[in-house]
N, C-alpha and C. Protein backbone atom coordinates (compact mmCIF):
# COMPACT_ATOMS: atom_id res chain seq x y z
N MET A 1 -14.83 -14.58 -2.98
CA MET A 1 -14.37 -13.41 -2.28
C MET A 1 -13.11 -13.67 -1.47
N LYS A 2 -12.82 -14.94 -1.21
CA LYS A 2 -11.60 -15.25 -0.47
C LYS A 2 -10.37 -14.82 -1.27
N PHE A 3 -10.45 -14.94 -2.60
CA PHE A 3 -9.33 -14.54 -3.44
C PHE A 3 -9.11 -13.02 -3.35
N ILE A 4 -10.20 -12.25 -3.40
CA ILE A 4 -10.08 -10.79 -3.32
C ILE A 4 -9.54 -10.39 -1.95
N LYS A 5 -9.99 -11.06 -0.90
CA LYS A 5 -9.49 -10.74 0.44
C LYS A 5 -8.00 -11.06 0.55
N LEU A 6 -7.59 -12.17 -0.03
CA LEU A 6 -6.17 -12.53 -0.03
C LEU A 6 -5.36 -11.50 -0.80
N MET A 7 -5.87 -11.09 -1.97
CA MET A 7 -5.17 -10.07 -2.75
C MET A 7 -5.09 -8.75 -1.99
N PHE A 8 -6.17 -8.39 -1.30
CA PHE A 8 -6.17 -7.17 -0.50
C PHE A 8 -5.07 -7.22 0.56
N LEU A 9 -4.98 -8.33 1.25
CA LEU A 9 -3.97 -8.46 2.30
C LEU A 9 -2.55 -8.43 1.73
N LEU A 10 -2.35 -9.05 0.59
CA LEU A 10 -1.01 -9.04 -0.03
C LEU A 10 -0.64 -7.63 -0.50
N PHE A 11 -1.59 -6.94 -1.15
CA PHE A 11 -1.31 -5.57 -1.59
C PHE A 11 -1.13 -4.63 -0.41
N LEU A 12 -1.90 -4.84 0.64
CA LEU A 12 -1.77 -4.01 1.84
C LEU A 12 -0.38 -4.18 2.45
N ALA A 13 0.06 -5.42 2.58
CA ALA A 13 1.40 -5.67 3.11
C ALA A 13 2.47 -5.10 2.20
N ALA A 14 2.27 -5.20 0.89
CA ALA A 14 3.26 -4.69 -0.07
C ALA A 14 3.39 -3.18 0.02
N PHE A 15 2.26 -2.48 0.09
CA PHE A 15 2.38 -1.02 0.11
C PHE A 15 2.82 -0.51 1.47
N MET A 16 2.48 -1.20 2.55
CA MET A 16 2.99 -0.79 3.86
C MET A 16 4.50 -1.01 3.94
N LEU A 17 4.96 -2.14 3.47
CA LEU A 17 6.40 -2.42 3.48
C LEU A 17 7.14 -1.48 2.53
N GLY A 18 6.57 -1.24 1.36
CA GLY A 18 7.19 -0.32 0.41
C GLY A 18 7.27 1.09 0.97
N GLY A 19 6.20 1.53 1.63
CA GLY A 19 6.21 2.86 2.25
C GLY A 19 7.22 2.97 3.36
N LEU A 20 7.32 1.91 4.15
CA LEU A 20 8.29 1.91 5.24
C LEU A 20 9.72 2.00 4.71
N ILE A 21 10.02 1.22 3.68
CA ILE A 21 11.36 1.24 3.10
C ILE A 21 11.64 2.59 2.45
N LEU A 22 10.64 3.13 1.75
CA LEU A 22 10.81 4.42 1.09
C LEU A 22 11.10 5.53 2.09
N VAL A 23 10.31 5.61 3.14
CA VAL A 23 10.50 6.66 4.15
C VAL A 23 11.80 6.45 4.91
N THR A 24 12.15 5.20 5.21
CA THR A 24 13.41 4.93 5.89
C THR A 24 14.60 5.38 5.04
N GLY A 25 14.53 5.09 3.75
CA GLY A 25 15.60 5.53 2.85
C GLY A 25 15.71 7.04 2.79
N GLN A 26 14.58 7.71 2.80
CA GLN A 26 14.60 9.17 2.77
C GLN A 26 15.12 9.75 4.09
N ILE A 27 14.76 9.15 5.20
CA ILE A 27 15.26 9.62 6.49
C ILE A 27 16.77 9.44 6.57
N VAL A 28 17.25 8.29 6.13
CA VAL A 28 18.70 8.05 6.12
C VAL A 28 19.38 9.06 5.21
N GLY A 29 18.78 9.34 4.06
CA GLY A 29 19.35 10.33 3.15
C GLY A 29 19.41 11.72 3.75
N VAL A 30 18.37 12.11 4.49
CA VAL A 30 18.36 13.43 5.12
C VAL A 30 19.41 13.49 6.24
N LEU A 31 19.48 12.44 7.05
CA LEU A 31 20.42 12.44 8.16
C LEU A 31 21.87 12.41 7.70
N THR A 32 22.12 11.78 6.57
CA THR A 32 23.49 11.72 6.05
C THR A 32 23.76 12.82 5.03
N LEU A 33 22.79 13.71 4.84
CA LEU A 33 22.90 14.81 3.89
C LEU A 33 23.20 14.31 2.48
N ASN A 34 22.53 13.23 2.10
CA ASN A 34 22.73 12.61 0.79
C ASN A 34 21.45 12.80 -0.02
N GLY A 35 21.43 13.85 -0.84
CA GLY A 35 20.24 14.15 -1.64
C GLY A 35 19.94 13.09 -2.67
N ALA A 36 20.97 12.43 -3.18
CA ALA A 36 20.75 11.38 -4.17
C ALA A 36 20.00 10.20 -3.56
N LEU A 37 20.25 9.90 -2.31
CA LEU A 37 19.54 8.81 -1.64
C LEU A 37 18.07 9.16 -1.43
N VAL A 38 17.80 10.40 -1.08
CA VAL A 38 16.41 10.84 -0.89
C VAL A 38 15.65 10.73 -2.21
N GLY A 39 16.22 11.29 -3.26
CA GLY A 39 15.56 11.24 -4.57
C GLY A 39 15.54 9.85 -5.16
N GLY A 40 16.61 9.12 -4.95
CA GLY A 40 16.71 7.77 -5.50
C GLY A 40 15.71 6.81 -4.90
N SER A 41 15.50 6.89 -3.60
CA SER A 41 14.54 6.00 -2.97
C SER A 41 13.13 6.30 -3.47
N LYS A 42 12.85 7.58 -3.70
CA LYS A 42 11.54 7.96 -4.25
C LYS A 42 11.39 7.43 -5.67
N ASP A 43 12.41 7.61 -6.47
CA ASP A 43 12.35 7.18 -7.87
C ASP A 43 12.17 5.67 -8.00
N VAL A 44 12.87 4.92 -7.16
CA VAL A 44 12.84 3.46 -7.26
C VAL A 44 11.57 2.87 -6.67
N LEU A 45 11.12 3.37 -5.53
CA LEU A 45 10.04 2.71 -4.80
C LEU A 45 8.67 3.33 -4.95
N SER A 46 8.57 4.58 -5.37
CA SER A 46 7.26 5.23 -5.35
C SER A 46 6.27 4.58 -6.32
N GLY A 47 6.69 4.23 -7.50
CA GLY A 47 5.76 3.64 -8.47
C GLY A 47 5.18 2.32 -7.99
N ILE A 48 6.03 1.46 -7.49
CA ILE A 48 5.58 0.16 -7.00
C ILE A 48 4.69 0.32 -5.78
N THR A 49 5.09 1.19 -4.87
CA THR A 49 4.34 1.40 -3.63
C THR A 49 2.97 1.99 -3.94
N PHE A 50 2.91 3.00 -4.81
CA PHE A 50 1.63 3.61 -5.13
C PHE A 50 0.72 2.66 -5.91
N ALA A 51 1.30 1.82 -6.76
CA ALA A 51 0.50 0.83 -7.48
C ALA A 51 -0.10 -0.19 -6.51
N ALA A 52 0.69 -0.64 -5.53
CA ALA A 52 0.18 -1.59 -4.54
C ALA A 52 -0.91 -0.94 -3.69
N ALA A 53 -0.75 0.34 -3.34
CA ALA A 53 -1.77 1.05 -2.56
C ALA A 53 -3.06 1.18 -3.36
N THR A 54 -2.94 1.47 -4.65
CA THR A 54 -4.12 1.57 -5.51
C THR A 54 -4.83 0.24 -5.61
N ALA A 55 -4.08 -0.83 -5.81
CA ALA A 55 -4.66 -2.17 -5.92
C ALA A 55 -5.34 -2.57 -4.61
N ALA A 56 -4.74 -2.23 -3.47
CA ALA A 56 -5.35 -2.54 -2.18
C ALA A 56 -6.66 -1.75 -2.02
N GLY A 57 -6.66 -0.50 -2.45
CA GLY A 57 -7.88 0.30 -2.37
C GLY A 57 -8.99 -0.26 -3.24
N LEU A 58 -8.65 -0.71 -4.44
CA LEU A 58 -9.66 -1.30 -5.32
C LEU A 58 -10.20 -2.61 -4.74
N CYS A 59 -9.33 -3.42 -4.18
CA CYS A 59 -9.78 -4.66 -3.54
C CYS A 59 -10.69 -4.36 -2.35
N ALA A 60 -10.35 -3.35 -1.57
CA ALA A 60 -11.19 -2.96 -0.43
C ALA A 60 -12.55 -2.48 -0.90
N PHE A 61 -12.59 -1.75 -2.01
CA PHE A 61 -13.84 -1.28 -2.58
C PHE A 61 -14.72 -2.46 -2.99
N VAL A 62 -14.12 -3.44 -3.66
CA VAL A 62 -14.87 -4.62 -4.08
C VAL A 62 -15.36 -5.40 -2.87
N LEU A 63 -14.51 -5.55 -1.87
CA LEU A 63 -14.92 -6.29 -0.66
C LEU A 63 -16.06 -5.59 0.08
N GLN A 64 -16.04 -4.27 0.09
CA GLN A 64 -17.09 -3.53 0.78
C GLN A 64 -18.45 -3.77 0.14
N TYR A 65 -18.51 -3.81 -1.18
CA TYR A 65 -19.77 -3.97 -1.87
C TYR A 65 -20.15 -5.41 -2.13
N SER A 66 -19.32 -6.35 -1.76
CA SER A 66 -19.63 -7.76 -1.99
C SER A 66 -20.15 -8.45 -0.74
N LYS A 67 -20.28 -7.72 0.34
CA LYS A 67 -20.80 -8.32 1.57
C LYS A 67 -22.27 -8.64 1.38
N SER A 68 -22.71 -9.75 1.99
CA SER A 68 -24.13 -10.09 1.91
C SER A 68 -24.93 -9.14 2.79
N PRO A 69 -26.10 -8.73 2.34
CA PRO A 69 -26.90 -7.79 3.11
C PRO A 69 -27.35 -8.41 4.44
N VAL A 70 -27.35 -7.59 5.46
CA VAL A 70 -27.77 -8.03 6.78
C VAL A 70 -29.26 -7.79 6.92
N ALA A 71 -29.97 -8.78 7.40
CA ALA A 71 -31.42 -8.65 7.57
C ALA A 71 -31.71 -7.69 8.72
N GLU A 72 -32.64 -6.77 8.48
CA GLU A 72 -32.99 -5.80 9.52
C GLU A 72 -33.98 -6.43 10.49
N GLU A 73 -33.79 -6.14 11.75
CA GLU A 73 -34.72 -6.62 12.78
C GLU A 73 -35.53 -5.45 13.29
N ASP A 74 -36.82 -5.64 13.44
CA ASP A 74 -37.68 -4.56 13.94
C ASP A 74 -37.84 -4.65 15.44
């Protein structure tokens, strides 16, 4: 499970960084009235960012169900 946790953290960092760069590029495009920059940043980064977010979600799903059960105390 250490491998899955490591992959989760890497994908999480990748999609957070990708989202930050994507939104920053779009903000700069809006502020400079450059529509090509807004659309271009989406075209270039959205696929990679969404793929990393999906992979992070799948890793989180696996990690959630791979925890050892906790013994109940009465």
